[in-house]
Amino acid sequence: MYLLHRFKKMKNNGIFFLLPALVIVVALLVYPVLSSIFYSLTSKNLIRLQFDIVWLDNFIFVLTSKEFYQAFLNSFKWTIFSIGGQLLVGLTAALAINRLPKLSGIYKTMLIIPWAFPAILIGLGWKWILDDVNGFLPNFLMGIGLTENAISFLSDPNFVFATVVLINIWFGAPLFMVNILSALKTIPLEQYEAAQIDGANVFQSFWNITLRHIRIVIGSLLIVRTIWVFNNFEILFLLTGGGPANMTTTLPIFAYQTGWGLQQLGIASAITVILLLFLIVICFLFFKLLDRWEREDH
């Protein structure tokens, strides 16, 4: 009886300590999601207080809008190219640092610096560097004779998308580098020695040993970064505002312009709900792949 009483007391204490975290989750996650779902079914407008239930009209309007599909395509390209570049750069850097016998800590510190910067500093900093009037890079390229005129990296349709993707790769690659490097440190060296004795070349060792050991980490990073990059708003908005000619208008920016620019909160909520459903499907597919890899490893 005494042990049962102690167990019940510990259980109640656990609930007590979890309560603040549950309140924060409800306040910052559950309530915004539920309110977005509710407003997506209404004619909510930021100018007037009254609104009506319109059910799926907002979703029909969004899914028949050319602007929505353009923003969705921009989000898709922005995510694929950004994450692909971050993975490639991060994996390459991790493999290189892992083979360094000395000073690896200095290189890791130097390469992690971009990830330490807040998004607003990155956006404003790169906007100043790439400014076609006073920016360092356009004037430097003219100074060394590579260009005749200052390139408008953030307003020229020929350069803007590639520019913002490269900035995002520079920003996000350190996260891949640090996590992959940690996974590389756990691989037993005996496996490489055994593979070398069996006659495996460098590519075969990488494919069958290195990649097999780090793929769970890479998969987890892909899930987190897909959610983060697809939902990213601040970097793109600070750099281009969605321009020029909506070439960098992604779904979060499109929702912002609809909700706060056009005051159509109901339609903007429908956009965010569609975005949420899409990411849930993508994450489900990623988790299925991770489960398959974990079963193969065991």
C-alpha atoms as a PDB file:
ATOM      1  CA  MET A   1       0.000   0.000   0.000  1.00  0.00           C
ATOM      2  CA  TYR A   2       2.832   2.343   0.837  1.00  0.00           C
ATOM      3  CA  LEU A   3       4.522   1.695  -2.532  1.00  0.00           C
ATOM      4  CA  LEU A   4       1.239   2.231  -4.356  1.00  0.00           C
ATOM      5  CA  HIS A   5       0.741   5.515  -2.542  1.00  0.00           C
ATOM      6  CA  ARG A   6       4.280   6.627  -3.446  1.00  0.00           C
ATOM      7  CA  PHE A   7       3.723   5.691  -7.092  1.00  0.00           C
ATOM      8  CA  LYS A   8       0.492   7.685  -7.279  1.00  0.00           C
ATOM      9  CA  LYS A   9       2.218  10.655  -5.638  1.00  0.00           C
ATOM     10  CA  MET A  10       5.116  10.514  -8.099  1.00  0.00           C
ATOM     11  CA  LYS A  11       2.652  10.267 -10.966  1.00  0.00           C
ATOM     12  CA  ASN A  12       0.800  13.350  -9.770  1.00  0.00           C
ATOM     13  CA  ASN A  13       4.076  15.221  -9.320  1.00  0.00           C
ATOM     14  CA  GLY A  14       5.045  14.344 -12.890  1.00  0.00           C
ATOM     15  CA  ILE A  15       1.809  15.802 -14.201  1.00  0.00           C
ATOM     16  CA  PHE A  16       2.409  18.923 -12.119  1.00  0.00           C
ATOM     17  CA  PHE A  17       5.880  19.449 -13.629  1.00  0.00           C
ATOM     18  CA  LEU A  18       4.592  18.775 -17.163  1.00  0.00           C
ATOM     19  CA  LEU A  19       1.741  21.257 -16.824  1.00  0.00           C
ATOM     20  CA  PRO A  20       3.764  24.424 -17.724  1.00  0.00           C
ATOM     21  CA  ALA A  21       5.120  22.737 -20.864  1.00  0.00           C
ATOM     22  CA  LEU A  22       1.613  21.622 -21.835  1.00  0.00           C
ATOM     23  CA  VAL A  23       0.288  25.159 -21.376  1.00  0.00           C
ATOM     24  CA  ILE A  24       3.053  26.533 -23.619  1.00  0.00           C
ATOM     25  CA  VAL A  25       2.390  23.889 -26.293  1.00  0.00           C
ATOM     26  CA  VAL A  26      -1.331  24.643 -26.268  1.00  0.00           C
ATOM     27  CA  ALA A  27      -0.753  28.403 -26.369  1.00  0.00           C
ATOM     28  CA  LEU A  28       1.923  28.400 -29.084  1.00  0.00           C
ATOM     29  CA  LEU A  29       0.902  25.419 -31.215  1.00  0.00           C
ATOM     30  CA  VAL A  30      -2.563  23.996 -30.685  1.00  0.00           C
ATOM     31  CA  TYR A  31      -4.433  27.296 -30.464  1.00  0.00           C
ATOM     32  CA  PRO A  32      -2.863  28.872 -33.604  1.00  0.00           C
ATOM     33  CA  VAL A  33      -3.485  25.693 -35.612  1.00  0.00           C
ATOM     34  CA  LEU A  34      -7.092  25.386 -34.506  1.00  0.00           C
ATOM     35  CA  SER A  35      -7.748  29.104 -35.053  1.00  0.00           C
ATOM     36  CA  SER A  36      -6.250  28.889 -38.560  1.00  0.00           C
ATOM     37  CA  ILE A  37      -8.477  25.929 -39.385  1.00  0.00           C
ATOM     38  CA  PHE A  38     -11.521  27.779 -38.065  1.00  0.00           C
ATOM     39  CA  TYR A  39     -10.794  31.041 -39.881  1.00  0.00           C
ATOM     40  CA  SER A  40     -10.092  29.139 -43.113  1.00  0.00           C
ATOM     41  CA  LEU A  41     -13.782  28.210 -43.109  1.00  0.00           C
ATOM     42  CA  THR A  42     -14.929  31.812 -42.666  1.00  0.00           C
ATOM     43  CA  SER A  43     -14.981  35.115 -44.532  1.00  0.00           C
ATOM     44  CA  LYS A  44     -12.813  36.703 -41.824  1.00  0.00           C
ATOM     45  CA  ASN A  45     -11.471  40.114 -42.844  1.00  0.00           C
ATOM     46  CA  LEU A  46      -9.127  42.255 -40.775  1.00  0.00           C
ATOM     47  CA  ILE A  47     -11.063  45.416 -41.609  1.00  0.00           C
ATOM     48  CA  ARG A  48     -14.494  44.359 -40.360  1.00  0.00           C
ATOM     49  CA  LEU A  49     -15.422  42.418 -37.227  1.00  0.00           C
ATOM     50  CA  GLN A  50     -18.352  40.441 -38.647  1.00  0.00           C
ATOM     51  CA  PHE A  51     -17.733  37.321 -40.679  1.00  0.00           C
ATOM     52  CA  ASP A  52     -19.709  34.361 -41.992  1.00  0.00           C
ATOM     53  CA  ILE A  53     -19.037  30.643 -42.286  1.00  0.00           C
ATOM     54  CA  VAL A  54     -18.208  29.929 -45.934  1.00  0.00           C
ATOM     55  CA  TRP A  55     -17.033  26.337 -45.432  1.00  0.00           C
ATOM     56  CA  LEU A  56     -14.731  25.304 -48.324  1.00  0.00           C
ATOM     57  CA  ASP A  57     -15.103  28.429 -50.470  1.00  0.00           C
ATOM     58  CA  ASN A  58     -11.707  29.762 -49.410  1.00  0.00           C
ATOM     59  CA  PHE A  59     -10.007  26.477 -50.312  1.00  0.00           C
ATOM     60  CA  ILE A  60     -11.724  26.407 -53.711  1.00  0.00           C
ATOM     61  CA  PHE A  61     -10.638  29.997 -54.329  1.00  0.00           C
ATOM     62  CA  VAL A  62      -7.038  29.245 -53.355  1.00  0.00           C
ATOM     63  CA  LEU A  63      -6.796  25.996 -55.334  1.00  0.00           C
ATOM     64  CA  THR A  64      -8.103  27.715 -58.480  1.00  0.00           C
ATOM     65  CA  SER A  65      -5.699  30.654 -58.155  1.00  0.00           C
ATOM     66  CA  LYS A  66      -2.688  30.883 -60.478  1.00  0.00           C
ATOM     67  CA  GLU A  67      -0.829  32.895 -57.833  1.00  0.00           C
ATOM     68  CA  PHE A  68      -1.125  29.988 -55.380  1.00  0.00           C
ATOM     69  CA  TYR A  69       0.457  27.486 -57.767  1.00  0.00           C
ATOM     70  CA  GLN A  70       3.225  29.920 -58.641  1.00  0.00           C
ATOM     71  CA  ALA A  71       3.958  30.413 -54.943  1.00  0.00           C
ATOM     72  CA  PHE A  72       3.796  26.649 -54.361  1.00  0.00           C
ATOM     73  CA  LEU A  73       6.246  26.027 -57.214  1.00  0.00           C
ATOM     74  CA  ASN A  74       8.572  28.696 -55.814  1.00  0.00           C
ATOM     75  CA  SER A  75       8.377  27.057 -52.356  1.00  0.00           C
ATOM     76  CA  PHE A  76       9.092  23.646 -53.860  1.00  0.00           C
ATOM     77  CA  LYS A  77      12.126  24.859 -55.817  1.00  0.00           C
ATOM     78  CA  TRP A  78      13.343  26.946 -52.874  1.00  0.00           C
ATOM     79  CA  THR A  79      13.173  23.902 -50.583  1.00  0.00           C
ATOM     80  CA  ILE A  80      14.656  21.322 -52.968  1.00  0.00           C
ATOM     81  CA  PHE A  81      17.612  23.429 -54.112  1.00  0.00           C
ATOM     82  CA  SER A  82      18.302  24.844 -50.634  1.00  0.00           C
ATOM     83  CA  ILE A  83      18.245  21.514 -48.812  1.00  0.00           C
ATOM     84  CA  GLY A  84      20.090  19.726 -51.614  1.00  0.00           C
ATOM     85  CA  GLY A  85      22.849  22.337 -51.499  1.00  0.00           C
ATOM     86  CA  GLN A  86      22.982  22.342 -47.703  1.00  0.00           C
ATOM     87  CA  LEU A  87      23.294  18.559 -47.631  1.00  0.00           C
ATOM     88  CA  LEU A  88      26.005  18.505 -50.298  1.00  0.00           C
ATOM     89  CA  VAL A  89      28.080  21.278 -48.697  1.00  0.00           C
ATOM     90  CA  GLY A  90      27.516  20.018 -45.146  1.00  0.00           C
ATOM     91  CA  LEU A  91      28.384  16.416 -46.027  1.00  0.00           C
ATOM     92  CA  THR A  92      31.504  17.462 -47.939  1.00  0.00           C
ATOM     93  CA  ALA A  93      32.684  19.683 -45.091  1.00  0.00           C
ATOM     94  CA  ALA A  94      32.016  16.964 -42.508  1.00  0.00           C
ATOM     95  CA  LEU A  95      33.943  14.348 -44.496  1.00  0.00           C
ATOM     96  CA  ALA A  96      36.858  16.757 -44.962  1.00  0.00           C
ATOM     97  CA  ILE A  97      37.041  17.815 -41.302  1.00  0.00           C
ATOM     98  CA  ASN A  98      36.723  14.205 -40.151  1.00  0.00           C
ATOM     99  CA  ARG A  99      39.983  13.402 -41.955  1.00  0.00           C
ATOM    100  CA  LEU A 100      41.891  16.334 -40.487  1.00  0.00           C
ATOM    101  CA  PRO A 101      44.348  15.190 -37.802  1.00  0.00           C
ATOM    102  CA  LYS A 102      44.766  18.668 -36.303  1.00  0.00           C
ATOM    103  CA  LEU A 103      42.923  21.975 -35.972  1.00  0.00           C
ATOM    104  CA  SER A 104      39.543  20.387 -36.708  1.00  0.00           C
ATOM    105  CA  GLY A 105      38.017  22.345 -33.820  1.00  0.00           C
ATOM    106  CA  ILE A 106      39.058  25.655 -35.395  1.00  0.00           C
ATOM    107  CA  TYR A 107      37.540  24.704 -38.744  1.00  0.00           C
ATOM    108  CA  LYS A 108      34.301  23.575 -37.102  1.00  0.00           C
ATOM    109  CA  THR A 109      34.058  26.859 -35.231  1.00  0.00           C
ATOM    110  CA  MET A 110      34.657  28.885 -38.376  1.00  0.00           C
ATOM    111  CA  LEU A 111      32.128  26.919 -40.437  1.00  0.00           C
ATOM    112  CA  ILE A 112      29.396  27.075 -37.781  1.00  0.00           C
ATOM    113  CA  ILE A 113      29.481  30.896 -37.654  1.00  0.00           C
ATOM    114  CA  PRO A 114      26.716  31.435 -40.296  1.00  0.00           C
ATOM    115  CA  TRP A 115      24.302  29.323 -38.240  1.00  0.00           C
ATOM    116  CA  ALA A 116      24.927  31.535 -35.200  1.00  0.00           C
ATOM    117  CA  PHE A 117      23.631  34.672 -36.940  1.00  0.00           C
ATOM    118  CA  PRO A 118      19.963  35.661 -36.484  1.00  0.00           C
ATOM    119  CA  ALA A 119      17.870  35.699 -39.658  1.00  0.00           C
ATOM    120  CA  ILE A 120      17.354  39.462 -39.583  1.00  0.00           C
ATOM    121  CA  LEU A 121      21.106  40.058 -39.510  1.00  0.00           C
ATOM    122  CA  ILE A 122      21.637  37.635 -42.385  1.00  0.00           C
ATOM    123  CA  GLY A 123      18.915  39.255 -44.475  1.00  0.00           C
ATOM    124  CA  LEU A 124      20.002  42.832 -43.914  1.00  0.00           C
ATOM    125  CA  GLY A 125      23.704  41.968 -44.130  1.00  0.00           C
ATOM    126  CA  TRP A 126      23.446  40.206 -47.472  1.00  0.00           C
ATOM    127  CA  LYS A 127      21.109  42.892 -48.764  1.00  0.00           C
ATOM    128  CA  TRP A 128      23.819  45.461 -48.076  1.00  0.00           C
ATOM    129  CA  ILE A 129      26.583  43.285 -49.567  1.00  0.00           C
ATOM    130  CA  LEU A 130      24.592  42.688 -52.787  1.00  0.00           C
ATOM    131  CA  ASP A 131      23.196  46.206 -53.180  1.00  0.00           C
ATOM    132  CA  ASP A 132      23.790  47.310 -56.778  1.00  0.00           C
ATOM    133  CA  VAL A 133      24.654  50.885 -55.734  1.00  0.00           C
ATOM    134  CA  ASN A 134      26.749  50.698 -52.584  1.00  0.00           C
ATOM    135  CA  GLY A 135      27.108  46.928 -52.165  1.00  0.00           C
ATOM    136  CA  PHE A 136      30.546  45.358 -51.841  1.00  0.00           C
ATOM    137  CA  LEU A 137      30.146  42.444 -54.282  1.00  0.00           C
ATOM    138  CA  PRO A 138      28.726  44.282 -57.359  1.00  0.00           C
ATOM    139  CA  ASN A 139      31.341  47.029 -57.024  1.00  0.00           C
ATOM    140  CA  PHE A 140      34.110  44.474 -56.458  1.00  0.00           C
ATOM    141  CA  LEU A 141      33.155  42.584 -59.630  1.00  0.00           C
ATOM    142  CA  MET A 142      33.213  45.839 -61.586  1.00  0.00           C
ATOM    143  CA  GLY A 143      36.520  46.829 -60.003  1.00  0.00           C
ATOM    144  CA  ILE A 144      38.302  43.672 -61.162  1.00  0.00           C
ATOM    145  CA  GLY A 145      36.765  43.901 -64.619  1.00  0.00           C
ATOM    146  CA  LEU A 146      34.436  40.881 -64.533  1.00  0.00           C
ATOM    147  CA  THR A 147      31.331  42.998 -65.179  1.00  0.00           C
ATOM    148  CA  GLU A 148      30.792  46.291 -66.955  1.00  0.00           C
ATOM    149  CA  ASN A 149      27.821  47.315 -64.824  1.00  0.00           C
ATOM    150  CA  ALA A 150      26.781  46.583 -61.264  1.00  0.00           C
ATOM    151  CA  ILE A 151      24.714  43.379 -61.135  1.00  0.00           C
ATOM    152  CA  SER A 152      21.384  43.658 -59.311  1.00  0.00           C
ATOM    153  CA  PHE A 153      21.557  40.290 -57.604  1.00  0.00           C
ATOM    154  CA  LEU A 154      18.314  40.776 -55.655  1.00  0.00           C
ATOM    155  CA  SER A 155      16.211  42.469 -58.334  1.00  0.00           C
ATOM    156  CA  ASP A 156      17.433  41.013 -61.636  1.00  0.00           C
ATOM    157  CA  PRO A 157      15.176  38.067 -62.672  1.00  0.00           C
ATOM    158  CA  ASN A 158      18.224  36.271 -64.075  1.00  0.00           C
ATOM    159  CA  PHE A 159      20.053  36.205 -60.739  1.00  0.00           C
ATOM    160  CA  VAL A 160      17.592  36.642 -57.880  1.00  0.00           C
ATOM    161  CA  PHE A 161      16.425  33.057 -57.286  1.00  0.00           C
ATOM    162  CA  ALA A 162      19.895  31.538 -57.511  1.00  0.00           C
ATOM    163  CA  THR A 163      21.184  34.275 -55.200  1.00  0.00           C
ATOM    164  CA  VAL A 164      18.669  33.677 -52.410  1.00  0.00           C
ATOM    165  CA  VAL A 165      19.156  29.895 -52.667  1.00  0.00           C
ATOM    166  CA  LEU A 166      22.941  30.272 -52.333  1.00  0.00           C
ATOM    167  CA  ILE A 167      22.465  32.498 -49.285  1.00  0.00           C
ATOM    168  CA  ASN A 168      20.212  29.882 -47.712  1.00  0.00           C
ATOM    169  CA  ILE A 169      22.756  27.150 -48.471  1.00  0.00           C
ATOM    170  CA  TRP A 170      25.471  29.234 -46.811  1.00  0.00           C
ATOM    171  CA  PHE A 171      23.205  29.685 -43.791  1.00  0.00           C
ATOM    172  CA  GLY A 172      21.961  26.098 -43.372  1.00  0.00           C
ATOM    173  CA  ALA A 173      24.955  23.954 -44.378  1.00  0.00           C
ATOM    174  CA  PRO A 174      26.683  24.229 -40.939  1.00  0.00           C
ATOM    175  CA  LEU A 175      23.763  22.409 -39.281  1.00  0.00           C
ATOM    176  CA  PHE A 176      24.248  19.450 -41.617  1.00  0.00           C
ATOM    177  CA  MET A 177      28.020  19.624 -41.162  1.00  0.00           C
ATOM    178  CA  VAL A 178      27.967  19.466 -37.348  1.00  0.00           C
ATOM    179  CA  ASN A 179      25.418  16.656 -37.094  1.00  0.00           C
ATOM    180  CA  ILE A 180      26.942  14.531 -39.854  1.00  0.00           C
ATOM    181  CA  LEU A 181      30.404  15.015 -38.356  1.00  0.00           C
ATOM    182  CA  SER A 182      29.129  13.740 -35.009  1.00  0.00           C
ATOM    183  CA  ALA A 183      27.690  10.670 -36.746  1.00  0.00           C
ATOM    184  CA  LEU A 184      30.967  10.036 -38.588  1.00  0.00           C
ATOM    185  CA  LYS A 185      32.823   9.884 -35.263  1.00  0.00           C
ATOM    186  CA  THR A 186      30.718   6.865 -34.225  1.00  0.00           C
ATOM    187  CA  ILE A 187      31.722   4.649 -37.183  1.00  0.00           C
ATOM    188  CA  PRO A 188      34.146   1.876 -36.099  1.00  0.00           C
ATOM    189  CA  LEU A 189      37.441   2.106 -37.966  1.00  0.00           C
ATOM    190  CA  GLU A 190      37.612  -1.699 -38.047  1.00  0.00           C
ATOM    191  CA  GLN A 191      34.885  -1.747 -40.686  1.00  0.00           C
ATOM    192  CA  TYR A 192      36.994   0.344 -43.064  1.00  0.00           C
ATOM    193  CA  GLU A 193      40.003  -1.873 -42.429  1.00  0.00           C
ATOM    194  CA  ALA A 194      37.977  -4.996 -43.141  1.00  0.00           C
ATOM    195  CA  ALA A 195      36.572  -3.462 -46.319  1.00  0.00           C
ATOM    196  CA  GLN A 196      40.072  -2.517 -47.484  1.00  0.00           C
ATOM    197  CA  ILE A 197      41.260  -6.091 -46.903  1.00  0.00           C
ATOM    198  CA  ASP A 198      38.311  -7.376 -48.949  1.00  0.00           C
ATOM    199  CA  GLY A 199      39.370  -5.128 -51.829  1.00  0.00           C
ATOM    200  CA  ALA A 200      36.681  -2.431 -51.564  1.00  0.00           C
ATOM    201  CA  ASN A 201      37.508   0.890 -53.202  1.00  0.00           C
ATOM    202  CA  VAL A 202      36.845   4.333 -51.717  1.00  0.00           C
ATOM    203  CA  PHE A 203      33.396   4.690 -53.287  1.00  0.00           C
ATOM    204  CA  GLN A 204      32.288   1.240 -52.116  1.00  0.00           C
ATOM    205  CA  SER A 205      33.476   1.969 -48.564  1.00  0.00           C
ATOM    206  CA  PHE A 206      31.621   5.271 -48.573  1.00  0.00           C
ATOM    207  CA  TRP A 207      28.411   3.760 -49.943  1.00  0.00           C
ATOM    208  CA  ASN A 208      28.288   0.604 -47.825  1.00  0.00           C
ATOM    209  CA  ILE A 209      29.862   1.823 -44.569  1.00  0.00           C
ATOM    210  CA  THR A 210      29.868   5.623 -44.233  1.00  0.00           C
ATOM    211  CA  LEU A 211      26.517   6.375 -45.806  1.00  0.00           C
ATOM    212  CA  ARG A 212      24.827   3.424 -44.113  1.00  0.00           C
ATOM    213  CA  HIS A 213      25.920   4.646 -40.675  1.00  0.00           C
ATOM    214  CA  ILE A 214      24.933   8.286 -41.179  1.00  0.00           C
ATOM    215  CA  ARG A 215      21.747   7.934 -43.229  1.00  0.00           C
ATOM    216  CA  ILE A 216      19.462   8.011 -40.164  1.00  0.00           C
ATOM    217  CA  VAL A 217      21.037  11.313 -39.103  1.00  0.00           C
ATOM    218  CA  ILE A 218      20.742  12.665 -42.644  1.00  0.00           C
ATOM    219  CA  GLY A 219      17.102  11.558 -42.830  1.00  0.00           C
ATOM    220  CA  SER A 220      16.273  13.265 -39.536  1.00  0.00           C
ATOM    221  CA  LEU A 221      17.981  16.448 -40.729  1.00  0.00           C
ATOM    222  CA  LEU A 222      16.036  16.346 -43.984  1.00  0.00           C
ATOM    223  CA  ILE A 223      12.758  16.178 -42.070  1.00  0.00           C
ATOM    224  CA  VAL A 224      13.632  19.110 -39.808  1.00  0.00           C
ATOM    225  CA  ARG A 225      15.091  21.241 -42.596  1.00  0.00           C
ATOM    226  CA  THR A 226      12.198  20.514 -44.994  1.00  0.00           C
ATOM    227  CA  ILE A 227       9.734  21.846 -42.429  1.00  0.00           C
ATOM    228  CA  TRP A 228      11.970  24.795 -41.615  1.00  0.00           C
ATOM    229  CA  VAL A 229      12.882  25.822 -45.179  1.00  0.00           C
ATOM    230  CA  PHE A 230       9.412  25.298 -46.662  1.00  0.00           C
ATOM    231  CA  ASN A 231       7.977  27.469 -43.885  1.00  0.00           C
ATOM    232  CA  ASN A 232      10.806  30.007 -44.036  1.00  0.00           C
ATOM    233  CA  PHE A 233       9.587  33.563 -44.260  1.00  0.00           C
ATOM    234  CA  GLU A 234      12.008  36.047 -42.756  1.00  0.00           C
ATOM    235  CA  ILE A 235      15.126  35.540 -44.919  1.00  0.00           C
ATOM    236  CA  LEU A 236      13.303  35.729 -48.250  1.00  0.00           C
ATOM    237  CA  PHE A 237      11.059  38.563 -47.114  1.00  0.00           C
ATOM    238  CA  LEU A 238      14.012  40.612 -45.872  1.00  0.00           C
ATOM    239  CA  LEU A 239      16.027  39.984 -49.033  1.00  0.00           C
ATOM    240  CA  THR A 240      13.429  40.439 -51.769  1.00  0.00           C
ATOM    241  CA  GLY A 241       9.969  40.887 -50.246  1.00  0.00           C
ATOM    242  CA  GLY A 242       8.807  38.222 -52.716  1.00  0.00           C
ATOM    243  CA  GLY A 243       9.952  40.094 -55.819  1.00  0.00           C
ATOM    244  CA  PRO A 244      10.813  40.786 -58.518  1.00  0.00           C
ATOM    245  CA  ALA A 245       7.493  39.956 -60.209  1.00  0.00           C
ATOM    246  CA  ASN A 246       6.724  37.367 -57.490  1.00  0.00           C
ATOM    247  CA  MET A 247       9.702  35.238 -58.525  1.00  0.00           C
ATOM    248  CA  THR A 248      10.610  34.633 -54.886  1.00  0.00           C
ATOM    249  CA  THR A 249       7.077  34.664 -53.472  1.00  0.00           C
ATOM    250  CA  THR A 250       6.752  31.403 -51.551  1.00  0.00           C
ATOM    251  CA  LEU A 251       3.625  30.143 -49.794  1.00  0.00           C
ATOM    252  CA  PRO A 252       4.431  31.805 -46.427  1.00  0.00           C
ATOM    253  CA  ILE A 253       5.002  35.150 -48.181  1.00  0.00           C
ATOM    254  CA  PHE A 254       1.871  34.630 -50.294  1.00  0.00           C
ATOM    255  CA  ALA A 255      -0.148  33.954 -47.131  1.00  0.00           C
ATOM    256  CA  TYR A 256       1.320  37.061 -45.479  1.00  0.00           C
ATOM    257  CA  GLN A 257       0.517  39.248 -48.492  1.00  0.00           C
ATOM    258  CA  THR A 258      -3.023  37.876 -48.620  1.00  0.00           C
ATOM    259  CA  GLY A 259      -3.678  38.152 -44.890  1.00  0.00           C
ATOM    260  CA  TRP A 260      -1.943  41.394 -43.988  1.00  0.00           C
ATOM    261  CA  GLY A 261      -1.717  43.092 -47.378  1.00  0.00           C
ATOM    262  CA  LEU A 262      -5.203  42.347 -48.691  1.00  0.00           C
ATOM    263  CA  GLN A 263      -6.682  41.896 -45.177  1.00  0.00           C
ATOM    264  CA  GLN A 264      -8.212  38.549 -46.274  1.00  0.00           C
ATOM    265  CA  LEU A 265      -7.490  36.514 -43.157  1.00  0.00           C
ATOM    266  CA  GLY A 266      -9.869  33.709 -44.116  1.00  0.00           C
ATOM    267  CA  ILE A 267      -8.136  33.079 -47.446  1.00  0.00           C
ATOM    268  CA  ALA A 268      -4.696  33.419 -45.832  1.00  0.00           C
ATOM    269  CA  SER A 269      -5.711  30.837 -43.213  1.00  0.00           C
ATOM    270  CA  ALA A 270      -6.776  28.459 -45.990  1.00  0.00           C
ATOM    271  CA  ILE A 271      -3.305  28.826 -47.544  1.00  0.00           C
ATOM    272  CA  THR A 272      -1.616  27.987 -44.246  1.00  0.00           C
ATOM    273  CA  VAL A 273      -3.872  24.949 -43.712  1.00  0.00           C
ATOM    274  CA  ILE A 274      -2.984  23.619 -47.175  1.00  0.00           C
ATOM    275  CA  LEU A 275       0.675  24.215 -46.350  1.00  0.00           C
ATOM    276  CA  LEU A 276       0.271  22.311 -43.072  1.00  0.00           C
ATOM    277  CA  LEU A 277      -1.394  19.344 -44.802  1.00  0.00           C
ATOM    278  CA  PHE A 278       1.324  19.198 -47.443  1.00  0.00           C
ATOM    279  CA  LEU A 279       4.092  19.160 -44.831  1.00  0.00           C
ATOM    280  CA  ILE A 280       2.293  16.459 -42.833  1.00  0.00           C
ATOM    281  CA  VAL A 281       2.239  14.235 -45.926  1.00  0.00           C
ATOM    282  CA  ILE A 282       5.926  14.924 -46.671  1.00  0.00           C
ATOM    283  CA  CYS A 283       6.942  14.205 -43.066  1.00  0.00           C
ATOM    284  CA  PHE A 284       4.889  11.000 -43.077  1.00  0.00           C
ATOM    285  CA  LEU A 285       6.775   9.781 -46.159  1.00  0.00           C
ATOM    286  CA  PHE A 286      10.111  10.716 -44.583  1.00  0.00           C
ATOM    287  CA  PHE A 287       9.257   8.859 -41.375  1.00  0.00           C
ATOM    288  CA  LYS A 288       8.238   5.779 -43.360  1.00  0.00           C
ATOM    289  CA  LEU A 289      11.644   5.854 -45.052  1.00  0.00           C
ATOM    290  CA  LEU A 290      13.422   6.258 -41.696  1.00  0.00           C
ATOM    291  CA  ASP A 291      11.482   3.331 -40.242  1.00  0.00           C
ATOM    292  CA  ARG A 292      12.553   1.201 -43.194  1.00  0.00           C
ATOM    293  CA  TRP A 293      16.213   2.141 -42.697  1.00  0.00           C
ATOM    294  CA  GLU A 294      16.024   1.391 -38.977  1.00  0.00           C
ATOM    295  CA  ARG A 295      14.522  -2.043 -39.654  1.00  0.00           C
ATOM    296  CA  GLU A 296      17.302  -2.774 -42.150  1.00  0.00           C
ATOM    297  CA  ASP A 297      19.957  -1.755 -39.611  1.00  0.00           C
ATOM    298  CA  HIS A 298      18.510  -4.148 -37.053  1.00  0.00           C
END
